[in-house]
């Protein structure tokens, strides 16, 4: 469990997800309280039960909105790979605590006066926090479950028929000639079965290939943009994962990361190739289709 909490958070706080959380969680709170009416709370309220449910749901909306559009988004972007599932869980529980405190402050306007005055301040505070955490435990546990499953998917080792190409097409080898600048002399030939990735190096591009277990590095005077066009014209199985990298999607051994980006593994003796945050959706689409 400790290892999971120390793992980078895989959650991608897209605009769509942030709005989904901001609306979905308060809606869950409203439906849960209005339908099930737990903790004998609605037997003692001084206002209509539906109105009480709306009050608690509105409080949840305010804090969840601030969390996903404010400091949670800021911290995850600032910390990058250091933003772990544990940090994310702490942030969520802190938000739940703030919701519980606010629930306690408005409780005297919701429950009947005789009930409110019958408890000491400490007991009333404890009851408010217990109610808040009891309602929150299901969405928090669901979020943790989804995060762990996404983490397992992103740390998985890829098999040939899981990387975006049909198994029956794996035997098809594609060759591409990359010329050195404007000259056809000293051109190199890339094969889809051996080429791993290309890396921008100033006015040049470094090419990394692996054949018979031996890593080979070549260099040509060409831009990465022009190289990408060549690959596209030849239907070469590549993807630009970063402004300085183009990879062979058939040769990714494994990958890991979070919403801020991935690191791709092509072998122990090679560097980890990055996938930028903007390219995550394209990478996921290609590798998992």
Foldseek 3Di string as FASTA:
>chain_A
DVVQQQFFFADALDVVNLVCQLPVLLVLQLCCCLPVVPPCQCVFWPDHSSVVSNVLSVLLNVLSNCCSVHDVVVVCQVCFRRHGNNVVLVSVVVSLLVSLVVCLVCVCVTGDVVVVVVDDSVVSSVVSSVVSCVSCVVVSVVVSVVRSVVQCVQFDWDDQCQLQDHPVCPVDKFKFWADAPPDNPPIDIDILVWWFKWFDDPQKIWTWTADPRDIDIDMGRHAPVVVVVRCVVRVQQWDDQDNTMIGRSSQFGHWGGHLQWIWTDNDDVDGTDIGGNVCVVVSCVRRGD
